[in-house]
Every structure is written in C-alpha cells, then in structure tokens.
C-alpha atoms as a PDB file:
ATOM      1  CA  MET A   1      -3.925 -31.621 -20.509  1.00  0.00           C
ATOM      2  CA  VAL A   2      -3.469 -28.727 -22.939  1.00  0.00           C
ATOM      3  CA  ILE A   3      -0.160 -26.945 -23.588  1.00  0.00           C
ATOM      4  CA  PHE A   4      -0.577 -23.581 -25.312  1.00  0.00           C
ATOM      5  CA  GLU A   5       1.645 -22.932 -28.347  1.00  0.00           C
ATOM      6  CA  LYS A   6       0.419 -19.750 -30.073  1.00  0.00           C
ATOM      7  CA  TRP A   7      -2.552 -17.525 -30.872  1.00  0.00           C
ATOM      8  CA  ASN A   8      -4.050 -18.126 -34.327  1.00  0.00           C
ATOM      9  CA  ASN A   9      -5.100 -14.495 -34.897  1.00  0.00           C
ATOM     10  CA  ASP A  10      -4.837 -10.986 -33.464  1.00  0.00           C
ATOM     11  CA  ALA A  11      -8.342 -11.261 -31.962  1.00  0.00           C
ATOM     12  CA  HIS A  12      -7.203 -14.231 -29.790  1.00  0.00           C
ATOM     13  CA  SER A  13     -10.374 -16.128 -30.688  1.00  0.00           C
ATOM     14  CA  SER A  14      -8.544 -19.469 -30.990  1.00  0.00           C
ATOM     15  CA  TYR A  15      -5.115 -20.916 -30.338  1.00  0.00           C
ATOM     16  CA  THR A  16      -2.916 -23.824 -31.353  1.00  0.00           C
ATOM     17  CA  ALA A  17      -1.938 -26.263 -28.629  1.00  0.00           C
ATOM     18  CA  TYR A  18      -0.825 -29.784 -27.834  1.00  0.00           C
ATOM     19  CA  GLU A  19      -3.599 -31.745 -26.120  1.00  0.00           C
ATOM     20  CA  GLN A  20      -3.519 -35.140 -24.415  1.00  0.00           C
ATOM     21  CA  ARG A  21      -6.868 -36.922 -24.203  1.00  0.00           C
ATOM     22  CA  GLY A  22      -7.150 -40.190 -22.273  1.00  0.00           C
ATOM     23  CA  ASP A  23      -6.449 -43.197 -24.482  1.00  0.00           C
ATOM     24  CA  HIS A  24      -6.389 -41.035 -27.625  1.00  0.00           C
ATOM     25  CA  GLY A  25      -2.815 -39.778 -27.215  1.00  0.00           C
ATOM     26  CA  THR A  26      -1.462 -36.334 -28.128  1.00  0.00           C
ATOM     27  CA  ASP A  27      -2.933 -34.013 -30.783  1.00  0.00           C
ATOM     28  CA  HIS A  28      -1.609 -30.733 -32.166  1.00  0.00           C
ATOM     29  CA  ARG A  29      -4.690 -28.705 -33.067  1.00  0.00           C
ATOM     30  CA  THR A  30      -6.712 -25.494 -32.872  1.00  0.00           C
ATOM     31  CA  LEU A  31      -8.701 -25.029 -29.636  1.00  0.00           C
ATOM     32  CA  THR A  32     -11.022 -22.552 -27.912  1.00  0.00           C
ATOM     33  CA  TYR A  33     -10.953 -23.948 -24.334  1.00  0.00           C
ATOM     34  CA  GLY A  34     -11.061 -21.145 -21.771  1.00  0.00           C
ATOM     35  CA  LEU A  35     -12.066 -18.455 -24.267  1.00  0.00           C
ATOM     36  CA  PRO A  36     -15.416 -16.631 -24.433  1.00  0.00           C
ATOM     37  CA  GLY A  37     -17.805 -19.015 -26.205  1.00  0.00           C
ATOM     38  CA  GLY A  38     -15.391 -21.927 -25.705  1.00  0.00           C
ATOM     39  CA  ASP A  39     -15.710 -25.072 -23.575  1.00  0.00           C
ATOM     40  CA  ALA A  40     -17.251 -24.324 -20.137  1.00  0.00           C
ATOM     41  CA  GLU A  41     -15.565 -27.370 -18.541  1.00  0.00           C
ATOM     42  CA  PHE A  42     -12.054 -25.935 -18.896  1.00  0.00           C
ATOM     43  CA  LYS A  43     -10.117 -25.839 -15.602  1.00  0.00           C
ATOM     44  CA  PRO A  44      -6.896 -23.822 -15.961  1.00  0.00           C
ATOM     45  CA  TYR A  45      -3.780 -24.651 -13.969  1.00  0.00           C
ATOM     46  CA  ARG A  46      -0.551 -22.695 -14.054  1.00  0.00           C
ATOM     47  CA  PRO A  47       2.418 -24.041 -12.068  1.00  0.00           C
ATOM     48  CA  VAL A  48       3.939 -21.332  -9.876  1.00  0.00           C
ATOM     49  CA  LYS A  49       7.381 -22.919  -9.581  1.00  0.00           C
ATOM     50  CA  PHE A  50       9.261 -25.557 -11.558  1.00  0.00           C
ATOM     51  CA  GLY A  51      12.104 -27.647 -10.199  1.00  0.00           C
ATOM     52  CA  ASP A  52      12.907 -29.917  -7.277  1.00  0.00           C
END
C-alpha cells in the first residue's frame, strides 16, 4: 500500500509517500508508481467514502 504525501517537483515526475511492503514494514521514500515511465504494475485505489 502507498499513501501519497507530496510532489517532489513542479513537473510531478516523482512523489514522496509512505509505502508498506509485505514483511519489510513501512518506508518513507520517493516513488514513481503510477506516473509515466513508472511501475506498470501499479493498481490505484481511492476510497469513495470513509466511516461506518
């Protein structure tokens, strides 16, 4: 799972996010998932509604 934090530049060519990876735990790092030239295996999900 990746949680977007911020864009790293005005061109939006990378972003900083929190990422959880299996047994590795949580990282805070620069990513390109979902961007042109980024990882093709990215599957975005955006919850429509939060709450009970």
